[in-house]
């Protein structure tokens, strides 16, 4: 077995708050998995030894809410054809990986192109990108959030939902995204509007869970949040107006929140002069409520999973995932460990934590190397020249 041995590493493994100082770990080059973690490891004659020089090793970030087919650069939005959208999506994945994201969950894509992109990644035809969980097109109602050209799958009954979900799963969707409420970026609705019905969403959940897939619900306000929880979704994405009763429902059912607070902050802080007034105003009205309600959910024990909604205005692929961690500390009141733990929570939500999300034996060697200790200052993860490894291969 040919190995890479990383020595003189300060390891934050993602599951213990303590940093293991001056440790070593070995990676099987063929499988890309960690085979041993110890104070010292004696190399064999054919092992490659890499001296980390006392820098910090931390798990690659797992982002559970992304949109690689969207355009975060305000003023550059246009109707792209499928070819240009594909090229830009692959660049978005490169940017994610360079930022330290080694696994992303897509939550709806134009043309459904994340599904063939995922296949090409698995086949090794697209390089220097993170692992990806593909959703295809999101599911919405006529006139609902995401009902735009080449955007969502439009369904208006449980039967239509059943057929469209089955078609999506047949096409290769790894997960499902449904729209339970209005949103910020759609001009004709508001967060407090329910969209897909409980009955429609229950069908989506049944069909997805029957195929061992997870379901994310776009749900910013009520009654959409409550409807999605009642339907049995795996994650409430955004959840800005989650209330105490819903928090208890989520704890009982094991439902996660993926708050994407960087997306809300980006629109509010940077979009006043450049975004349509209605779009900026909707988010500005909700911002402080979102901070307060997500903090309340966290303090009462709802699991928070890392996600950014990257691709929305000013919410870039190459920097905002580490920034989300900083906001978890500053605005939600988490410790550095609790903030980084949201990445492992994302792995749990996505049901990939047996193989990803932490630096442990028998897991894939997806990690970053940074200069400073993220358990002392979470902003250490924002280092722009960090090293990024996927399955033990240095990609950046």
Protein backbone atom coordinates (compact mmCIF):
# COMPACT_ATOMS: atom_id res chain seq x y z
CA UNK A 1 0.00 0.00 0.00
CA UNK A 2 1.50 3.30 -1.12
CA UNK A 3 0.81 6.10 1.36
CA UNK A 4 1.18 9.82 1.83
CA UNK A 5 2.19 10.65 5.38
CA UNK A 6 1.53 14.17 6.63
CA UNK A 7 3.71 14.97 9.65
CA UNK A 8 4.10 17.87 12.08
CA UNK A 9 0.42 18.75 11.70
CA UNK A 10 -1.83 20.53 14.15
CA UNK A 11 -5.08 18.69 13.50
CA UNK A 12 -8.59 19.94 14.13
CA UNK A 13 -10.58 16.86 13.23
CA UNK A 14 -14.03 18.47 13.12
CA UNK A 15 -15.54 16.41 15.94
CA UNK A 16 -13.34 17.33 18.92
CA UNK A 17 -12.81 20.90 20.03
CA UNK A 18 -9.20 20.26 20.99
CA UNK A 19 -6.48 20.55 18.38
CA UNK A 20 -4.09 17.59 18.23
CA UNK A 21 -0.69 19.25 18.09
CA UNK A 22 2.24 17.87 16.12
CA UNK A 23 0.39 14.76 14.97
CA UNK A 24 0.77 12.71 11.80
CA UNK A 25 -1.73 10.98 9.55
CA UNK A 26 -1.43 8.57 6.65
CA UNK A 27 -3.50 8.45 3.46
CA UNK A 28 -3.82 5.45 1.16
CA UNK A 29 -3.01 6.93 -2.25
CA UNK A 30 -5.18 4.41 -4.10
CA UNK A 31 -8.37 4.88 -2.07
CA UNK A 32 -7.84 8.46 -0.92
CA UNK A 33 -8.81 7.46 2.63
CA UNK A 34 -7.09 8.11 5.93
CA UNK A 35 -5.61 4.89 7.30
CA UNK A 36 -3.89 6.07 10.48
CA UNK A 37 -3.71 9.07 12.80
CA UNK A 38 -1.00 9.06 15.47
CA UNK A 39 1.61 11.17 17.21
CA UNK A 40 4.22 9.60 14.95
CA UNK A 41 4.00 7.27 11.96
CA UNK A 42 7.02 5.37 10.65
CA UNK A 43 7.10 5.60 6.85
CA UNK A 44 7.78 2.65 4.59
CA UNK A 45 10.36 2.97 1.84
CA UNK A 46 7.79 3.85 -0.82
CA UNK A 47 5.74 6.30 1.29
CA UNK A 48 5.71 9.99 0.42
CA UNK A 49 6.28 12.16 3.50
CA UNK A 50 4.87 15.70 3.57
CA UNK A 51 5.99 18.05 6.33
CA UNK A 52 3.07 20.30 7.27
CA UNK A 53 5.50 22.43 9.29
CA UNK A 54 3.18 22.87 12.27
CA UNK A 55 0.38 24.45 10.26
CA UNK A 56 -3.26 23.62 10.96
CA UNK A 57 -5.20 20.85 9.25
CA UNK A 58 -9.01 21.13 9.25
CA UNK A 59 -11.78 19.27 7.42
CA UNK A 60 -12.84 20.51 4.03
CA UNK A 61 -16.02 22.54 4.31
CA UNK A 62 -19.33 20.99 3.31
CA UNK A 63 -21.80 23.50 1.89
CA UNK A 64 -25.36 22.17 1.90
CA UNK A 65 -27.01 24.95 -0.12
CA UNK A 66 -25.51 26.15 -3.41
CA UNK A 67 -26.61 27.31 -6.88
CA UNK A 68 -23.77 26.90 -9.37
CA UNK A 69 -25.96 27.96 -12.31
CA UNK A 70 -26.84 31.35 -10.80
CA UNK A 71 -25.00 34.65 -11.28
CA UNK A 72 -23.82 36.44 -8.13
CA UNK A 73 -22.24 39.38 -9.98
CA UNK A 74 -24.93 42.06 -10.05
CA UNK A 75 -25.13 43.72 -13.47
CA UNK A 76 -23.87 40.65 -15.31
CA UNK A 77 -27.15 38.73 -15.19
CA UNK A 78 -28.45 37.62 -18.57
CA UNK A 79 -30.27 34.71 -20.13
CA UNK A 80 -27.43 32.28 -20.75
CA UNK A 81 -27.84 29.26 -22.96
CA UNK A 82 -27.04 25.81 -21.66
CA UNK A 83 -23.46 25.86 -22.94
CA UNK A 84 -22.49 29.14 -21.26
CA UNK A 85 -24.32 28.11 -18.10
CA UNK A 86 -22.36 24.86 -17.99
CA UNK A 87 -19.01 26.59 -18.44
CA UNK A 88 -19.80 29.11 -15.70
CA UNK A 89 -21.02 26.33 -13.40
CA UNK A 90 -17.74 24.45 -13.68
CA UNK A 91 -15.88 27.67 -12.87
CA UNK A 92 -18.14 28.09 -9.84
CA UNK A 93 -17.14 24.63 -8.66
CA UNK A 94 -13.45 25.50 -9.08
CA UNK A 95 -14.04 28.62 -6.97
CA UNK A 96 -15.83 26.60 -4.29
CA UNK A 97 -12.93 24.20 -4.01
CA UNK A 98 -10.33 26.96 -3.83
CA UNK A 99 -12.30 28.53 -0.96
CA UNK A 100 -12.02 25.28 1.01
CA UNK A 101 -15.32 23.60 0.09
CA UNK A 102 -14.72 19.95 -0.69
CA UNK A 103 -18.39 18.89 -0.95
CA UNK A 104 -21.46 20.88 -2.03
CA UNK A 105 -25.17 20.15 -2.26
CA UNK A 106 -26.92 21.75 -5.19
CA UNK A 107 -30.37 23.09 -4.34
CA UNK A 108 -31.79 23.59 -7.81
CA UNK A 109 -30.10 24.33 -11.12
CA UNK A 110 -31.06 25.82 -14.46
CA UNK A 111 -31.56 23.22 -17.17
CA UNK A 112 -30.97 20.56 -14.50
CA UNK A 113 -27.35 20.53 -15.64
CA UNK A 114 -25.86 19.73 -12.26
CA UNK A 115 -26.88 16.11 -12.85
CA UNK A 116 -24.70 15.56 -15.97
CA UNK A 117 -21.94 17.68 -14.42
CA UNK A 118 -21.98 15.37 -11.38
CA UNK A 119 -21.70 12.34 -13.67
CA UNK A 120 -18.70 13.86 -15.45
CA UNK A 121 -17.04 14.62 -12.11
CA UNK A 122 -17.47 11.02 -10.99
CA UNK A 123 -16.07 9.82 -14.32
CA UNK A 124 -13.00 12.00 -13.81
CA UNK A 125 -13.67 14.23 -16.81
CA UNK A 126 -13.94 17.44 -14.76
CA UNK A 127 -10.95 18.11 -12.51
CA UNK A 128 -10.22 20.36 -9.51
CA UNK A 129 -13.81 20.51 -8.27
CA UNK A 130 -15.48 19.41 -5.02
CA UNK A 131 -17.69 16.38 -4.63
CA UNK A 132 -21.26 17.35 -5.47
CA UNK A 133 -24.77 16.23 -4.58
CA UNK A 134 -26.99 17.14 -7.54
CA UNK A 135 -30.68 18.08 -7.36
CA UNK A 136 -31.60 18.93 -10.95
CA UNK A 137 -34.35 21.51 -11.25
CA UNK A 138 -36.19 22.58 -8.12
CA UNK A 139 -39.93 21.92 -7.74
CA UNK A 140 -42.33 24.84 -7.53
CA UNK A 141 -45.91 25.83 -8.32
CA UNK A 142 -47.12 27.90 -11.24
CA UNK A 143 -46.01 31.45 -10.51
CA UNK A 144 -44.03 30.31 -7.47
CA UNK A 145 -40.51 30.98 -6.33
CA UNK A 146 -38.23 29.49 -9.00
CA UNK A 147 -40.81 29.49 -11.80
CA UNK A 148 -38.66 31.09 -14.48
CA UNK A 149 -37.24 30.15 -17.85
CA UNK A 150 -35.22 26.91 -17.66
CA UNK A 151 -35.57 27.06 -13.87
CA UNK A 152 -38.02 25.04 -11.82
CA UNK A 153 -40.20 22.01 -12.42
CA UNK A 154 -43.73 23.40 -12.20
CA UNK A 155 -46.29 21.19 -10.44
CA UNK A 156 -49.83 22.02 -9.30
CA UNK A 157 -51.13 18.83 -7.73
CA UNK A 158 -49.88 15.80 -5.80
CA UNK A 159 -50.09 13.70 -8.95
CA UNK A 160 -48.03 16.18 -10.96
CA UNK A 161 -45.49 16.26 -8.15
CA UNK A 162 -45.25 12.47 -8.08
CA UNK A 163 -44.56 12.23 -11.79
CA UNK A 164 -42.03 15.07 -11.86
CA UNK A 165 -40.17 13.77 -8.81
CA UNK A 166 -39.96 10.32 -10.33
CA UNK A 167 -38.66 11.83 -13.57
CA UNK A 168 -36.03 13.79 -11.63
CA UNK A 169 -34.89 10.70 -9.75
CA UNK A 170 -34.77 8.74 -12.99
CA UNK A 171 -32.57 11.45 -14.50
CA UNK A 172 -30.11 11.01 -11.63
CA UNK A 173 -31.00 13.53 -8.93
CA UNK A 174 -29.14 12.84 -5.67
CA UNK A 175 -31.50 15.04 -3.66
CA UNK A 176 -34.71 17.05 -4.09
CA UNK A 177 -35.41 20.76 -3.62
CA UNK A 178 -38.98 22.04 -3.16
CA UNK A 179 -40.41 25.54 -2.68
CA UNK A 180 -42.62 25.89 0.37
CA UNK A 181 -42.82 29.69 0.53
CA UNK A 182 -42.28 32.84 -1.45
CA UNK A 183 -38.83 34.36 -1.58
CA UNK A 184 -36.66 37.42 -1.97
CA UNK A 185 -35.59 37.19 -5.59
CA UNK A 186 -38.99 36.51 -7.15
CA UNK A 187 -40.92 39.76 -7.80
CA UNK A 188 -44.44 38.38 -7.51
CA UNK A 189 -44.47 36.86 -4.04
CA UNK A 190 -43.47 37.38 -0.41
CA UNK A 191 -41.96 35.26 2.36
CA UNK A 192 -45.27 34.93 4.20
CA UNK A 193 -46.98 33.26 1.24
CA UNK A 194 -47.39 29.49 1.28
CA UNK A 195 -46.69 27.93 -2.09
CA UNK A 196 -46.54 24.15 -2.56
CA UNK A 197 -49.18 22.52 -0.36
CA UNK A 198 -48.52 20.07 2.44
CA UNK A 199 -50.06 17.30 0.34
CA UNK A 200 -47.83 18.11 -2.64
CA UNK A 201 -44.71 18.23 -0.49
CA UNK A 202 -45.60 14.99 1.30
CA UNK A 203 -45.58 13.27 -2.09
CA UNK A 204 -42.12 14.71 -2.80
CA UNK A 205 -40.83 13.50 0.56
CA UNK A 206 -42.34 10.04 0.14
CA UNK A 207 -40.91 9.52 -3.34
CA UNK A 208 -37.48 10.88 -2.38
CA UNK A 209 -37.21 8.95 0.88
CA UNK A 210 -38.36 5.80 -0.89
CA UNK A 211 -35.21 6.16 -3.01
CA UNK A 212 -33.07 7.05 0.04
CA UNK A 213 -32.74 10.68 -1.05
CA UNK A 214 -33.10 13.81 1.08
CA UNK A 215 -35.43 16.77 0.59
CA UNK A 216 -34.62 20.44 1.11
CA UNK A 217 -37.42 23.00 1.40
CA UNK A 218 -37.00 26.66 0.52
CA UNK A 219 -39.01 28.08 3.42
CA UNK A 220 -38.38 31.64 4.58
CA UNK A 221 -41.64 32.57 6.28
CA UNK A 222 -44.83 31.11 7.66
CA UNK A 223 -46.98 29.18 6.98
CA UNK A 224 -44.43 27.77 4.50
CA UNK A 225 -41.96 26.69 7.20
CA UNK A 226 -44.65 24.89 9.17
CA UNK A 227 -46.07 23.23 6.06
CA UNK A 228 -42.65 21.90 5.06
CA UNK A 229 -41.98 20.49 8.53
CA UNK A 230 -45.39 18.80 8.53
CA UNK A 231 -44.56 17.31 5.14
CA UNK A 232 -41.44 15.70 6.65
CA UNK A 233 -38.61 17.45 4.80
CA UNK A 234 -35.03 16.88 5.90
CA UNK A 235 -33.99 20.53 5.96
CA UNK A 236 -35.61 23.92 6.20
CA UNK A 237 -33.43 26.17 4.09
CA UNK A 238 -33.34 29.84 5.17
CA UNK A 239 -36.00 29.51 7.92
CA UNK A 240 -35.87 33.21 8.74
CA UNK A 241 -39.19 33.27 10.61
CA UNK A 242 -38.99 29.91 12.39
CA UNK A 243 -40.95 30.10 15.65
CA UNK A 244 -40.85 28.25 18.98
CA UNK A 245 -43.51 25.70 18.08
CA UNK A 246 -41.74 24.87 14.82
CA UNK A 247 -38.45 24.58 16.69
CA UNK A 248 -39.97 21.87 18.89
CA UNK A 249 -41.36 20.11 15.81
CA UNK A 250 -37.93 20.18 14.15
CA UNK A 251 -36.17 18.82 17.23
CA UNK A 252 -38.68 15.98 17.46
CA UNK A 253 -38.33 15.09 13.77
CA UNK A 254 -34.58 15.72 13.46
CA UNK A 255 -35.07 18.44 10.86
CA UNK A 256 -32.07 20.66 10.13
CA UNK A 257 -31.98 24.39 9.40
CA UNK A 258 -29.63 25.63 6.68
CA UNK A 259 -29.86 29.37 7.40
CA UNK A 260 -27.71 30.86 4.59
CA UNK A 261 -27.36 34.11 6.52
CA UNK A 262 -24.54 35.34 4.27
CA UNK A 263 -27.06 35.45 1.42
CA UNK A 264 -29.39 37.67 3.41
CA UNK A 265 -26.56 39.91 4.60
CA UNK A 266 -25.11 40.28 1.10
CA UNK A 267 -28.40 41.54 -0.32
CA UNK A 268 -29.02 43.87 2.62
CA UNK A 269 -25.53 45.33 2.92
CA UNK A 270 -24.49 45.59 -0.74
CA UNK A 271 -27.67 45.80 -2.78
CA UNK A 272 -29.40 49.01 -1.70
CA UNK A 273 -28.24 51.03 -4.71
CA UNK A 274 -27.97 48.25 -7.29
CA UNK A 275 -30.79 45.75 -6.75
CA UNK A 276 -34.48 46.37 -7.51
CA UNK A 277 -36.03 48.26 -4.62
CA UNK A 278 -38.62 45.53 -3.96
CA UNK A 279 -35.87 42.87 -3.71
CA UNK A 280 -33.65 44.82 -1.33
CA UNK A 281 -36.60 45.91 0.80
CA UNK A 282 -37.92 42.38 1.31
CA UNK A 283 -34.59 41.23 2.72
CA UNK A 284 -33.93 44.40 4.71
CA UNK A 285 -37.30 43.95 6.42
CA UNK A 286 -36.38 40.39 7.44
CA UNK A 287 -32.71 40.68 8.34
CA UNK A 288 -32.83 41.30 12.09
CA UNK A 289 -35.72 38.86 12.49
CA UNK A 290 -33.64 36.23 10.72
CA UNK A 291 -30.66 36.69 13.03
CA UNK A 292 -32.89 36.54 16.12
CA UNK A 293 -34.93 33.51 15.04
CA UNK A 294 -31.97 31.43 13.83
CA UNK A 295 -30.13 32.22 17.07
CA UNK A 296 -33.20 31.12 19.02
CA UNK A 297 -33.38 27.85 17.06
CA UNK A 298 -29.69 27.18 17.68
CA UNK A 299 -29.92 27.92 21.41
CA UNK A 300 -32.92 25.60 21.73
CA UNK A 301 -31.16 22.69 20.06
CA UNK A 302 -32.08 22.63 16.38
CA UNK A 303 -29.15 21.36 14.32
CA UNK A 304 -27.70 24.07 12.08
CA UNK A 305 -26.07 22.94 8.82
CA UNK A 306 -23.63 25.03 6.83
CA UNK A 307 -24.96 26.48 3.59
CA UNK A 308 -24.68 29.80 1.79
CA UNK A 309 -27.15 30.00 -1.12
CA UNK A 310 -24.08 30.98 -3.18
CA UNK A 311 -25.06 32.34 -6.57
CA UNK A 312 -27.53 34.88 -5.20
CA UNK A 313 -26.61 38.60 -5.49
CA UNK A 314 -23.14 39.42 -4.13
CA UNK A 315 -22.93 35.89 -2.72
CA UNK A 316 -19.82 34.64 -4.48
CA UNK A 317 -18.59 31.09 -4.89
CA UNK A 318 -14.97 31.82 -3.97
CA UNK A 319 -15.29 33.45 -0.55
CA UNK A 320 -18.66 33.33 1.17
CA UNK A 321 -18.59 29.82 2.67
CA UNK A 322 -15.80 30.71 5.15
CA UNK A 323 -17.56 34.03 5.73
CA UNK A 324 -20.75 32.18 6.74
CA UNK A 325 -18.78 30.58 9.58
CA UNK A 326 -17.68 34.00 10.79
CA UNK A 327 -21.30 35.17 10.78
CA UNK A 328 -22.33 32.12 12.78
CA UNK A 329 -19.96 33.30 15.49
CA UNK A 330 -20.70 37.01 15.30
CA UNK A 331 -24.46 37.03 14.67
CA UNK A 332 -25.76 33.66 15.92
CA UNK A 333 -23.52 33.47 19.01
CA UNK A 334 -21.71 30.22 18.27
CA UNK A 335 -18.25 29.36 19.49
CA UNK A 336 -15.59 28.68 16.86
CA UNK A 337 -16.11 24.96 17.36
CA UNK A 338 -19.90 25.20 17.08
CA UNK A 339 -19.57 27.22 13.88
CA UNK A 340 -17.18 24.75 12.25
CA UNK A 341 -19.39 21.93 13.48
CA UNK A 342 -22.13 23.18 11.11
CA UNK A 343 -20.00 21.73 8.31
CA UNK A 344 -20.12 18.28 9.93
CA UNK A 345 -23.85 18.80 10.49
CA UNK A 346 -24.15 19.36 6.75
CA UNK A 347 -22.49 15.99 6.21
CA UNK A 348 -24.98 14.39 8.61
CA UNK A 349 -27.89 16.05 6.84
CA UNK A 350 -26.61 14.84 3.48
CA UNK A 351 -26.03 11.35 4.95
CA UNK A 352 -22.40 11.31 3.85
CA UNK A 353 -20.80 11.59 7.30
CA UNK A 354 -19.59 7.98 7.26
CA UNK A 355 -17.09 9.05 4.59
CA UNK A 356 -16.82 12.84 4.75
CA UNK A 357 -16.94 15.79 7.11
CA UNK A 358 -14.15 15.04 9.58
CA UNK A 359 -10.54 13.94 9.74
CA UNK A 360 -10.84 10.38 11.03
CA UNK A 361 -9.57 6.98 10.06
CA UNK A 362 -11.43 5.29 7.17
CA UNK A 363 -12.76 8.62 5.88
CA UNK A 364 -11.71 10.39 2.70
CA UNK A 365 -8.78 12.75 3.15
CA UNK A 366 -10.61 15.98 2.27
CA UNK A 367 -8.96 18.80 4.21
CA UNK A 368 -7.44 22.24 4.16
CA UNK A 369 -4.07 23.48 5.46
CA UNK A 370 -4.09 26.96 6.99
CA UNK A 371 -1.63 29.06 8.94
CA UNK A 372 -3.69 29.81 12.04
CA UNK A 373 -5.88 27.92 14.48
CA UNK A 374 -9.59 28.07 13.49
CA UNK A 375 -10.56 27.15 17.06
CA UNK A 376 -8.98 30.40 18.22
CA UNK A 377 -10.35 32.55 15.39
CA UNK A 378 -12.81 31.19 12.83
CA UNK A 379 -11.59 33.80 10.32
CA UNK A 380 -8.46 31.66 9.90
CA UNK A 381 -10.49 29.63 7.38
CA UNK A 382 -10.75 32.70 5.15
CA UNK A 383 -7.05 32.50 4.26
CA UNK A 384 -6.95 33.01 0.49
CA UNK A 385 -3.85 30.92 -0.19
CA UNK A 386 -4.91 27.89 1.85
CA UNK A 387 -3.97 24.45 0.57
CA UNK A 388 -6.91 22.25 -0.38
CA UNK A 389 -6.80 18.46 -0.62
CA UNK A 390 -9.45 16.10 -2.00
CA UNK A 391 -9.03 12.37 -1.34
CA UNK A 392 -5.44 13.11 -0.38
CA UNK A 393 -4.65 14.95 -3.64
CA UNK A 394 -3.51 18.54 -3.48
CA UNK A 395 -5.85 20.56 -5.71
CA UNK A 396 -4.90 24.09 -4.62
